[in-house]
Structures are given as structure tokens and as C-alpha cells.
C-alpha atoms as a PDB file:
ATOM      1  CA  MET A   1      12.860  -3.445 -44.433  1.00  0.00           C
ATOM      2  CA  ILE A   2       9.947  -2.070 -46.315  1.00  0.00           C
ATOM      3  CA  ALA A   3      11.117  -3.321 -49.411  1.00  0.00           C
ATOM      4  CA  THR A   4      11.499  -6.919 -47.982  1.00  0.00           C
ATOM      5  CA  ILE A   5       7.987  -6.715 -46.534  1.00  0.00           C
ATOM      6  CA  LEU A   6       6.474  -5.685 -49.913  1.00  0.00           C
ATOM      7  CA  LEU A   7       8.294  -8.541 -51.385  1.00  0.00           C
ATOM      8  CA  SER A   8       7.153 -11.116 -49.072  1.00  0.00           C
ATOM      9  CA  PHE A   9       3.641  -9.843 -49.329  1.00  0.00           C
ATOM     10  CA  GLY A  10       3.264  -9.807 -53.015  1.00  0.00           C
ATOM     11  CA  ALA A  11       4.909 -13.145 -53.293  1.00  0.00           C
ATOM     12  CA  LEU A  12       2.605 -14.778 -50.511  1.00  0.00           C
ATOM     13  CA  PHE A  13      -0.598 -13.052 -51.921  1.00  0.00           C
ATOM     14  CA  ILE A  14      -0.370 -14.062 -55.361  1.00  0.00           C
ATOM     15  CA  ALA A  15       0.893 -17.569 -54.449  1.00  0.00           C
ATOM     16  CA  GLU A  16      -2.392 -17.919 -52.321  1.00  0.00           C
ATOM     17  CA  LEU A  17      -4.577 -16.674 -55.054  1.00  0.00           C
ATOM     18  CA  GLY A  18      -6.642 -19.810 -56.249  1.00  0.00           C
ATOM     19  CA  ASP A  19      -4.417 -22.190 -53.575  1.00  0.00           C
ATOM     20  CA  LYS A  20      -6.066 -25.010 -51.721  1.00  0.00           C
ATOM     21  CA  SER A  21      -5.708 -22.525 -48.579  1.00  0.00           C
ATOM     22  CA  GLN A  22      -7.568 -19.777 -49.958  1.00  0.00           C
ATOM     23  CA  LEU A  23     -10.367 -22.271 -51.105  1.00  0.00           C
ATOM     24  CA  MET A  24     -10.403 -23.743 -47.569  1.00  0.00           C
ATOM     25  CA  ALA A  25     -10.975 -20.302 -46.265  1.00  0.00           C
ATOM     26  CA  LEU A  26     -13.935 -19.648 -48.473  1.00  0.00           C
ATOM     27  CA  THR A  27     -15.415 -23.105 -47.583  1.00  0.00           C
ATOM     28  CA  PHE A  28     -14.976 -22.125 -43.647  1.00  0.00           C
ATOM     29  CA  ALA A  29     -16.839 -18.898 -44.388  1.00  0.00           C
ATOM     30  CA  LEU A  30     -19.763 -20.730 -45.526  1.00  0.00           C
ATOM     31  CA  ARG A  31     -19.893 -22.585 -42.534  1.00  0.00           C
ATOM     32  CA  TYR A  32     -18.781 -20.520 -39.281  1.00  0.00           C
ATOM     33  CA  ARG A  33     -18.743 -16.719 -38.665  1.00  0.00           C
ATOM     34  CA  TRP A  34     -16.269 -14.774 -40.319  1.00  0.00           C
ATOM     35  CA  TRP A  35     -14.657 -13.108 -37.655  1.00  0.00           C
ATOM     36  CA  VAL A  36     -13.808 -16.554 -36.438  1.00  0.00           C
ATOM     37  CA  VAL A  37     -12.416 -17.865 -39.472  1.00  0.00           C
ATOM     38  CA  LEU A  38     -10.378 -14.551 -40.054  1.00  0.00           C
ATOM     39  CA  GLY A  39      -8.705 -14.723 -36.598  1.00  0.00           C
ATOM     40  CA  ALA A  40      -8.014 -18.548 -36.928  1.00  0.00           C
ATOM     41  CA  ILE A  41      -6.051 -17.717 -40.247  1.00  0.00           C
ATOM     42  CA  THR A  42      -4.079 -15.034 -38.629  1.00  0.00           C
ATOM     43  CA  VAL A  43      -2.870 -17.275 -35.744  1.00  0.00           C
ATOM     44  CA  ALA A  44      -2.235 -20.037 -38.372  1.00  0.00           C
ATOM     45  CA  SER A  45      -0.370 -17.475 -40.459  1.00  0.00           C
ATOM     46  CA  ILE A  46       1.524 -16.358 -37.603  1.00  0.00           C
ATOM     47  CA  GLY A  47       2.766 -19.726 -36.652  1.00  0.00           C
ATOM     48  CA  VAL A  48       3.546 -21.164 -39.951  1.00  0.00           C
ATOM     49  CA  ASN A  49       5.586 -18.536 -41.163  1.00  0.00           C
ATOM     50  CA  LEU A  50       7.430 -18.187 -37.910  1.00  0.00           C
ATOM     51  CA  ILE A  51       8.282 -21.891 -38.502  1.00  0.00           C
ATOM     52  CA  ALA A  52       9.213 -21.219 -42.022  1.00  0.00           C
ATOM     53  CA  VAL A  53      11.248 -18.301 -41.301  1.00  0.00           C
ATOM     54  CA  ALA A  54      13.222 -20.246 -38.746  1.00  0.00           C
ATOM     55  CA  VAL A  55      13.866 -23.242 -40.971  1.00  0.00           C
ATOM     56  CA  GLY A  56      15.081 -21.199 -43.835  1.00  0.00           C
ATOM     57  CA  HIS A  57      17.110 -18.401 -41.914  1.00  0.00           C
ATOM     58  CA  PHE A  58      18.329 -20.369 -38.494  1.00  0.00           C
ATOM     59  CA  LEU A  59      18.040 -24.342 -39.005  1.00  0.00           C
ATOM     60  CA  GLY A  60      18.198 -24.878 -42.626  1.00  0.00           C
ATOM     61  CA  ALA A  61      16.119 -28.168 -41.810  1.00  0.00           C
ATOM     62  CA  ALA A  62      13.370 -29.931 -43.604  1.00  0.00           C
ATOM     63  CA  LEU A  63      10.034 -30.708 -41.657  1.00  0.00           C
ATOM     64  CA  PRO A  64       8.578 -34.042 -42.118  1.00  0.00           C
ATOM     65  CA  THR A  65       5.954 -32.664 -44.649  1.00  0.00           C
ATOM     66  CA  ASP A  66       4.449 -36.318 -45.548  1.00  0.00           C
ATOM     67  CA  LEU A  67       3.237 -36.941 -41.971  1.00  0.00           C
ATOM     68  CA  ILE A  68       2.103 -33.427 -41.508  1.00  0.00           C
ATOM     69  CA  ALA A  69       0.086 -33.854 -44.757  1.00  0.00           C
ATOM     70  CA  TYR A  70      -1.651 -37.029 -43.498  1.00  0.00           C
ATOM     71  CA  PHE A  71      -2.839 -35.344 -40.474  1.00  0.00           C
ATOM     72  CA  ALA A  72      -4.310 -32.340 -42.404  1.00  0.00           C
ATOM     73  CA  ALA A  73      -6.321 -34.670 -44.872  1.00  0.00           C
ATOM     74  CA  ALA A  74      -7.505 -36.608 -41.649  1.00  0.00           C
ATOM     75  CA  ILE A  75      -8.642 -33.173 -40.488  1.00  0.00           C
ATOM     76  CA  LEU A  76     -10.271 -32.165 -43.512  1.00  0.00           C
ATOM     77  CA  ILE A  77     -12.160 -35.404 -43.979  1.00  0.00           C
ATOM     78  CA  VAL A  78     -13.320 -35.548 -40.373  1.00  0.00           C
ATOM     79  CA  VAL A  79     -14.770 -31.837 -40.662  1.00  0.00           C
ATOM     80  CA  GLY A  80     -16.307 -32.780 -44.068  1.00  0.00           C
ATOM     81  CA  LEU A  81     -18.165 -35.844 -42.981  1.00  0.00           C
ATOM     82  CA  TRP A  82     -19.111 -33.962 -39.702  1.00  0.00           C
ATOM     83  CA  THR A  83     -20.582 -31.102 -41.722  1.00  0.00           C
ATOM     84  CA  LEU A  84     -22.490 -33.872 -43.989  1.00  0.00           C
ATOM     85  CA  ARG A  85     -24.055 -35.064 -41.049  1.00  0.00           C
ATOM     86  CA  GLU A  86     -26.614 -32.735 -41.222  1.00  0.00           C
ATOM     87  CA  VAL A  87     -27.961 -33.859 -44.431  1.00  0.00           C
ATOM     88  CA  VAL A  88     -28.986 -37.197 -43.068  1.00  0.00           C
ATOM     89  CA  GLN A  89     -30.684 -35.942 -40.056  1.00  0.00           C
ATOM     90  CA  THR A  90     -34.410 -36.654 -39.701  1.00  0.00           C
ATOM     91  CA  PRO A  91     -36.516 -33.457 -38.998  1.00  0.00           C
ATOM     92  CA  GLN A  92     -36.534 -34.353 -35.210  1.00  0.00           C
ATOM     93  CA  GLU A  93     -32.958 -34.528 -35.247  1.00  0.00           C
ATOM     94  CA  GLU A  94     -32.570 -31.228 -36.789  1.00  0.00           C
ATOM     95  CA  ALA A  95     -35.074 -29.433 -34.113  1.00  0.00           C
ATOM     96  CA  ASP A  96     -32.815 -31.015 -31.338  1.00  0.00           C
ATOM     97  CA  GLU A  97     -29.537 -29.879 -32.791  1.00  0.00           C
ATOM     98  CA  PRO A  98     -28.322 -26.430 -31.889  1.00  0.00           C
ATOM     99  CA  ALA A  99     -28.454 -23.918 -34.444  1.00  0.00           C
ATOM    100  CA  ALA A 100     -24.698 -22.996 -34.967  1.00  0.00           C
ATOM    101  CA  PRO A 101     -21.682 -24.764 -33.451  1.00  0.00           C
ATOM    102  CA  PRO A 102     -19.757 -23.124 -30.487  1.00  0.00           C
ATOM    103  CA  THR A 103     -17.353 -20.340 -31.471  1.00  0.00           C
ATOM    104  CA  ARG A 104     -14.350 -21.915 -29.366  1.00  0.00           C
ATOM    105  CA  SER A 105     -14.721 -25.164 -31.277  1.00  0.00           C
ATOM    106  CA  ALA A 106     -14.912 -23.510 -34.537  1.00  0.00           C
ATOM    107  CA  PHE A 107     -11.830 -21.809 -34.019  1.00  0.00           C
ATOM    108  CA  VAL A 108      -9.990 -24.770 -32.929  1.00  0.00           C
ATOM    109  CA  VAL A 109     -11.137 -26.460 -36.162  1.00  0.00           C
ATOM    110  CA  VAL A 110     -10.144 -23.943 -38.534  1.00  0.00           C
ATOM    111  CA  LEU A 111      -6.874 -23.427 -36.778  1.00  0.00           C
ATOM    112  CA  SER A 112      -5.984 -26.976 -36.998  1.00  0.00           C
ATOM    113  CA  ALA A 113      -6.999 -27.325 -40.481  1.00  0.00           C
ATOM    114  CA  PHE A 114      -4.884 -24.231 -41.517  1.00  0.00           C
ATOM    115  CA  LEU A 115      -1.976 -25.148 -39.556  1.00  0.00           C
ATOM    116  CA  LEU A 116      -1.690 -28.604 -41.059  1.00  0.00           C
ATOM    117  CA  ALA A 117      -2.340 -27.605 -44.534  1.00  0.00           C
ATOM    118  CA  GLU A 118       0.212 -24.853 -44.695  1.00  0.00           C
ATOM    119  CA  LEU A 119       2.887 -26.818 -43.052  1.00  0.00           C
ATOM    120  CA  GLY A 120       5.022 -28.131 -46.028  1.00  0.00           C
ATOM    121  CA  ASP A 121       2.627 -26.273 -48.637  1.00  0.00           C
ATOM    122  CA  ARG A 122       4.449 -24.202 -51.259  1.00  0.00           C
ATOM    123  CA  THR A 123       3.737 -20.869 -49.640  1.00  0.00           C
ATOM    124  CA  MET A 124       5.923 -22.320 -46.844  1.00  0.00           C
ATOM    125  CA  PHE A 125       8.595 -23.033 -48.963  1.00  0.00           C
ATOM    126  CA  ALA A 126       8.239 -19.814 -50.665  1.00  0.00           C
ATOM    127  CA  THR A 127       8.534 -17.991 -47.184  1.00  0.00           C
ATOM    128  CA  THR A 128      11.510 -20.303 -46.400  1.00  0.00           C
ATOM    129  CA  ALA A 129      13.397 -19.632 -49.681  1.00  0.00           C
ATOM    130  CA  LEU A 130      12.986 -15.696 -49.226  1.00  0.00           C
ATOM    131  CA  ALA A 131      14.061 -15.892 -45.664  1.00  0.00           C
ATOM    132  CA  ALA A 132      17.219 -17.735 -46.275  1.00  0.00           C
ATOM    133  CA  LYS A 133      18.395 -14.860 -48.525  1.00  0.00           C
ATOM    134  CA  ASN A 134      16.588 -11.783 -46.872  1.00  0.00           C
ATOM    135  CA  ASN A 135      15.968 -10.037 -43.698  1.00  0.00           C
ATOM    136  CA  TRP A 136      13.883 -12.589 -41.761  1.00  0.00           C
ATOM    137  CA  LEU A 137      11.645 -10.274 -39.722  1.00  0.00           C
ATOM    138  CA  GLY A 138      10.668  -8.315 -43.022  1.00  0.00           C
ATOM    139  CA  ILE A 139       9.678 -11.755 -44.594  1.00  0.00           C
ATOM    140  CA  TRP A 140       7.703 -12.906 -41.784  1.00  0.00           C
ATOM    141  CA  ILE A 141       5.662  -9.714 -41.462  1.00  0.00           C
ATOM    142  CA  GLY A 142       4.994  -9.559 -45.118  1.00  0.00           C
ATOM    143  CA  SER A 143       4.223 -13.266 -45.425  1.00  0.00           C
ATOM    144  CA  VAL A 144       1.929 -13.103 -42.621  1.00  0.00           C
ATOM    145  CA  ALA A 145       0.033 -10.102 -44.079  1.00  0.00           C
ATOM    146  CA  GLY A 146      -0.411 -11.638 -47.584  1.00  0.00           C
ATOM    147  CA  MET A 147      -1.702 -14.869 -46.099  1.00  0.00           C
ATOM    148  CA  VAL A 148      -4.072 -13.068 -43.956  1.00  0.00           C
ATOM    149  CA  ALA A 149      -5.081 -10.558 -47.178  1.00  0.00           C
ATOM    150  CA  ALA A 150      -5.820 -13.716 -49.491  1.00  0.00           C
ATOM    151  CA  GLY A 151      -7.955 -15.517 -46.827  1.00  0.00           C
ATOM    152  CA  GLY A 152     -10.001 -12.031 -46.140  1.00  0.00           C
ATOM    153  CA  LEU A 153     -10.514 -11.995 -49.928  1.00  0.00           C
ATOM    154  CA  ALA A 154     -11.786 -15.602 -50.055  1.00  0.00           C
ATOM    155  CA  ILE A 155     -13.955 -14.892 -46.788  1.00  0.00           C
ATOM    156  CA  ALA A 156     -15.578 -11.869 -48.092  1.00  0.00           C
ATOM    157  CA  ILE A 157     -16.490 -13.886 -51.393  1.00  0.00           C
ATOM    158  CA  GLY A 158     -17.626 -16.892 -48.943  1.00  0.00           C
ATOM    159  CA  ILE A 159     -20.078 -14.253 -47.244  1.00  0.00           C
ATOM    160  CA  ALA A 160     -21.483 -12.606 -50.500  1.00  0.00           C
ATOM    161  CA  VAL A 161     -22.035 -16.441 -51.833  1.00  0.00           C
ATOM    162  CA  GLY A 162     -23.760 -17.579 -48.476  1.00  0.00           C
ATOM    163  CA  LYS A 163     -26.303 -14.568 -48.564  1.00  0.00           C
ATOM    164  CA  HIS A 164     -27.920 -16.281 -51.613  1.00  0.00           C
ATOM    165  CA  LEU A 165     -27.764 -19.935 -50.466  1.00  0.00           C
ATOM    166  CA  PRO A 166     -29.980 -21.786 -48.251  1.00  0.00           C
ATOM    167  CA  GLU A 167     -28.366 -23.075 -45.254  1.00  0.00           C
ATOM    168  CA  ARG A 168     -28.908 -26.810 -46.152  1.00  0.00           C
ATOM    169  CA  VAL A 169     -27.047 -26.085 -49.620  1.00  0.00           C
ATOM    170  CA  ILE A 170     -24.373 -24.304 -47.887  1.00  0.00           C
ATOM    171  CA  ALA A 171     -23.875 -27.347 -45.401  1.00  0.00           C
ATOM    172  CA  ILE A 172     -23.690 -29.751 -48.550  1.00  0.00           C
ATOM    173  CA  CYS A 173     -21.541 -27.897 -50.597  1.00  0.00           C
ATOM    174  CA  SER A 174     -18.972 -27.193 -47.354  1.00  0.00           C
ATOM    175  CA  GLY A 175     -18.917 -30.923 -46.534  1.00  0.00           C
ATOM    176  CA  LEU A 176     -18.216 -31.899 -50.296  1.00  0.00           C
ATOM    177  CA  LEU A 177     -15.425 -29.385 -50.640  1.00  0.00           C
ATOM    178  CA  PHE A 178     -13.836 -30.505 -47.193  1.00  0.00           C
ATOM    179  CA  LEU A 179     -13.856 -34.031 -48.484  1.00  0.00           C
ATOM    180  CA  TYR A 180     -12.307 -33.037 -51.714  1.00  0.00           C
ATOM    181  CA  PHE A 181      -9.491 -31.130 -50.124  1.00  0.00           C
ATOM    182  CA  GLY A 182      -8.908 -33.926 -47.616  1.00  0.00           C
ATOM    183  CA  ALA A 183      -8.682 -36.401 -50.640  1.00  0.00           C
ATOM    184  CA  LEU A 184      -6.601 -33.953 -52.710  1.00  0.00           C
ATOM    185  CA  THR A 185      -4.177 -33.477 -49.659  1.00  0.00           C
ATOM    186  CA  LEU A 186      -4.034 -37.268 -49.158  1.00  0.00           C
ATOM    187  CA  LEU A 187      -3.228 -38.268 -52.754  1.00  0.00           C
ATOM    188  CA  THR A 188      -0.501 -35.689 -53.121  1.00  0.00           C
ATOM    189  CA  ALA A 189       1.237 -36.800 -49.936  1.00  0.00           C
ATOM    190  CA  ILE A 190       1.430 -40.384 -50.960  1.00  0.00           C
ATOM    191  CA  PRO A 191       5.256 -40.661 -52.373  1.00  0.00           C
ATOM    192  CA  ALA A 192       4.271 -42.642 -55.437  1.00  0.00           C
ATOM    193  CA  GLY A 193       0.711 -41.235 -55.765  1.00  0.00           C
ATOM    194  CA  PRO A 194      -0.768 -39.183 -58.481  1.00  0.00           C
ATOM    195  CA  ASP A 195      -0.423 -35.349 -58.903  1.00  0.00           C
ATOM    196  CA  GLY A 196      -1.567 -32.472 -60.926  1.00  0.00           C
ATOM    197  CA  PHE A 197      -4.868 -33.169 -62.756  1.00  0.00           C
ATOM    198  CA  ALA A 198      -4.853 -37.020 -61.856  1.00  0.00           C
ATOM    199  CA  ALA A 199      -4.784 -36.312 -58.301  1.00  0.00           C
ATOM    200  CA  ALA A 200      -7.459 -33.599 -58.806  1.00  0.00           C
ATOM    201  CA  GLY A 201      -9.758 -35.989 -60.722  1.00  0.00           C
ATOM    202  CA  LEU A 202      -9.258 -38.824 -58.395  1.00  0.00           C
ATOM    203  CA  ALA A 203      -9.851 -36.736 -55.209  1.00  0.00           C
ATOM    204  CA  ALA A 204     -13.430 -35.574 -56.915  1.00  0.00           C
ATOM    205  CA  LEU A 205     -14.636 -39.403 -56.574  1.00  0.00           C
ATOM    206  CA  ALA A 206     -14.549 -39.012 -52.633  1.00  0.00           C
ATOM    207  CA  PRO A 207     -16.943 -36.176 -52.378  1.00  0.00           C
ATOM    208  CA  ALA A 208     -19.272 -37.796 -55.178  1.00  0.00           C
ATOM    209  CA  LEU A 209     -19.470 -41.170 -53.306  1.00  0.00           C
ATOM    210  CA  ALA A 210     -19.926 -39.731 -50.006  1.00  0.00           C
ATOM    211  CA  GLY A 211     -22.599 -37.524 -51.217  1.00  0.00           C
ATOM    212  CA  ALA A 212     -24.476 -40.447 -52.906  1.00  0.00           C
ATOM    213  CA  VAL A 213     -23.769 -42.466 -49.787  1.00  0.00           C
ATOM    214  CA  LEU A 214     -25.267 -39.980 -47.460  1.00  0.00           C
ATOM    215  CA  LEU A 215     -28.193 -39.280 -49.779  1.00  0.00           C
ATOM    216  CA  MET A 216     -29.235 -42.817 -49.658  1.00  0.00           C
ATOM    217  CA  ILE A 217     -29.099 -42.910 -45.699  1.00  0.00           C
ATOM    218  CA  ARG A 218     -31.208 -39.934 -45.546  1.00  0.00           C
ATOM    219  CA  ARG A 219     -34.056 -41.119 -47.752  1.00  0.00           C
ATOM    220  CA  ALA A 220     -34.009 -44.626 -46.009  1.00  0.00           C
ATOM    221  CA  ARG A 221     -34.157 -42.630 -42.495  1.00  0.00           C
ATOM    222  CA  SER A 222     -36.837 -40.492 -43.988  1.00  0.00           C
ATOM    223  CA  GLY A 223     -38.790 -43.595 -45.185  1.00  0.00           C
ATOM    224  CA  MET A 224     -38.287 -45.253 -41.551  1.00  0.00           C
ATOM    225  CA  ALA A 225     -39.526 -42.362 -39.885  1.00  0.00           C
ATOM    226  CA  GLY A 226     -42.730 -41.855 -42.052  1.00  0.00           C
ATOM    227  CA  GLN A 227     -43.711 -45.807 -41.377  1.00  0.00           C
ATOM    228  CA  HIS A 228     -43.001 -45.171 -37.825  1.00  0.00           C
ATOM    229  CA  ARG A 229     -45.477 -42.239 -37.761  1.00  0.00           C
ATOM    230  CA  ASP A 230     -48.040 -44.256 -39.607  1.00  0.00           C
ATOM    231  CA  ALA A 231     -47.593 -47.060 -37.365  1.00  0.00           C
ATOM    232  CA  THR A 232     -48.066 -45.059 -34.161  1.00  0.00           C
ATOM    233  CA  GLY A 233     -50.730 -42.705 -35.394  1.00  0.00           C
ATOM    234  CA  PRO A 234     -54.389 -42.825 -34.713  1.00  0.00           C
ATOM    235  CA  SER A 235     -56.025 -46.068 -36.228  1.00  0.00           C
ATOM    236  CA  ARG A 236     -58.083 -45.736 -39.502  1.00  0.00           C
ATOM    237  CA  THR A 237     -61.141 -47.963 -37.760  1.00  0.00           C
ATOM    238  CA  ALA A 238     -64.654 -46.829 -38.279  1.00  0.00           C
ATOM    239  CA  PRO A 239     -65.601 -43.566 -36.207  1.00  0.00           C
ATOM    240  CA  HIS A 240     -67.217 -44.393 -33.011  1.00  0.00           C
ATOM    241  CA  PHE A 241     -70.261 -42.538 -32.336  1.00  0.00           C
ATOM    242  CA  ALA A 242     -71.059 -41.758 -28.556  1.00  0.00           C
ATOM    243  CA  GLU A 243     -74.447 -42.281 -27.310  1.00  0.00           C
ATOM    244  CA  PRO A 244     -76.687 -39.215 -26.937  1.00  0.00           C
ATOM    245  CA  ASP A 245     -77.015 -38.077 -23.446  1.00  0.00           C
ATOM    246  CA  ARG A 246     -80.472 -39.014 -22.279  1.00  0.00           C
ATOM    247  CA  ALA A 247     -81.016 -36.307 -20.009  1.00  0.00           C
ATOM    248  CA  ALA A 248     -80.570 -33.928 -22.879  1.00  0.00           C
ATOM    249  CA  VAL A 249     -83.288 -35.775 -24.937  1.00  0.00           C
ATOM    250  CA  PRO A 250     -86.788 -34.291 -23.998  1.00  0.00           C
ATOM    251  CA  ALA A 251     -89.318 -36.743 -22.422  1.00  0.00           C
ATOM    252  CA  ALA A 252     -92.297 -37.453 -24.412  1.00  0.00           C
ATOM    253  CA  PRO A 253     -95.729 -35.909 -22.985  1.00  0.00           C
ATOM    254  CA  GLU A 254     -97.348 -38.428 -20.832  1.00  0.00           C
ATOM    255  CA  ASP A 255    -100.756 -39.431 -22.334  1.00  0.00           C
ATOM    256  CA  HIS A 256    -103.447 -39.299 -19.434  1.00  0.00           C
ATOM    257  CA  SER A 257    -106.226 -40.656 -21.686  1.00  0.00           C
ATOM    258  CA  ASP A 258    -108.098 -43.458 -20.445  1.00  0.00           C
ATOM    259  CA  ARG A 259    -106.642 -46.612 -21.939  1.00  0.00           C
ATOM    260  CA  ARG A 260    -109.542 -48.838 -20.669  1.00  0.00           C
ATOM    261  CA  PRO A 261    -111.308 -51.003 -23.463  1.00  0.00           C
ATOM    262  CA  ARG A 262    -114.702 -49.624 -24.321  1.00  0.00           C
ATOM    263  CA  SER A 263    -116.477 -52.587 -22.761  1.00  0.00           C
ATOM    264  CA  ALA A 264    -114.918 -51.691 -19.383  1.00  0.00           C
ATOM    265  CA  ARG A 265    -116.122 -48.090 -19.379  1.00  0.00           C
END
């Protein structure tokens, strides 16, 4: 039992190193609280590996991985666009926006993304293969621990990096990475689509184009906001000077001298 746990732990931890899921964990750690991300990864790992063990040991059936991959790609792209929404906000909109997303919604986003990203992933197939020939309970425990450990390592790296980056830079990087992973997941899910380096290169076009478009939108909105301030600001006419208060001006002394002509005196 212990040997089976160690086997699955090592296999899953090594498989997750540098994998899309670990990079997603790092990206989520830049955006949300670390304990929310770690909790969502733990719940997702428990569910995914339970399905993988059931498929490998009990059912021997295959999941519709292509359909699941499409849903995962859609979630990642939506999260990326939602994150990049901050880039095109005006200062007034940024002031009205809450500082941090609610914990519950962040947990649901991370959990959904990891569940769909891991279903049909190579790590799930590794768990399925191990469960077909070994004790399923030990494989399940070890695979969950391995995935959580790899995710925790990515979260620690994300926290260390996030301390040295401004909040806006973090939002931009997170949004672009989500778009990249979404495009990569979509391209690899297409039956006749590219794979390997070709898919990675084509997927990089999505965040590049999105970043350029959103930057243009932000500049346009900033220019419109500046024109609106100029139009509604104080007029630049000549300054108006108010009349002095007559009561404040001292009256001239009265002249009591005789003003009659000399001939009449």
C-alpha cells in the first residue's frame, strides 16, 4: 500500500512539473488568494483522480475527452477576457470596482477550470493506467497528493513573483496566460488540429491579438474621457472681476468751503 502511494505520488508529481495545470496554478495564484487556489486544486484533484481510478480499475471506459477539452478551453478564455477587462477600464470605473473578487466566485472559477483541464489530461491517463494494475486506493491517495504538491509548488512561486509586481502588471500577465492556455487547449482538442510546437506557436497569437486590441480600446476610452473632461470643465473666458463693494470704499471728505463766485460774495 505504501509503495503504491509513493509510486503514484512520484509519477503524478513529475508529470505535473511544467505541465499546463501547474502553470495554471501559478497564474491563479497571481490573481486570487493562495488558500483559495490550493483548496480548489485539492477538491479538483480528489474528483479527477477518483474518476480516473474508477475508469481504470472498475469501468475500463473512456471519457469524451474532446468535448471536455472544449469546455475547459471556453472557461479559460472567458477567465482571461474577464481578467483583461481591468486593462480597458477608465480611472472612474477602477475606483467603482471592488478591490478583490469574492472568495466564493474565485473558488468556483479555479475549481471549474482545473476539473475540466485535468479531465482527459495526460496525468489522468497516467492515473488510469496505474489503477488498472495496482491497488486503486493507494493510487488515488498518491495521485491526489502528487497533484496537490505540484500545485502548491506553483502557488509558492506565484506568491513570490506577485510580491514584486504591480497589481496591473499581474492582471495583464494573468489574463494573457489564461488566453494562451485556453487557445492551446482548444487547438490540441481539435482532431485534425496542430500539436506540439505548432499548437504552442499558434496559441501565442491569441493573447498577442487580444492584448493589442484591448490596449487600443483603453487608449481610445482614455482619450474620450479626456475630451469629456475638457468639454465639461470650467470655461476659459476672460476672468470676471466683481464690482467693489461701495460700502467698503471710504467716502471723500465733504468740502464746506464757499463755492459762490467772487462777485456774489
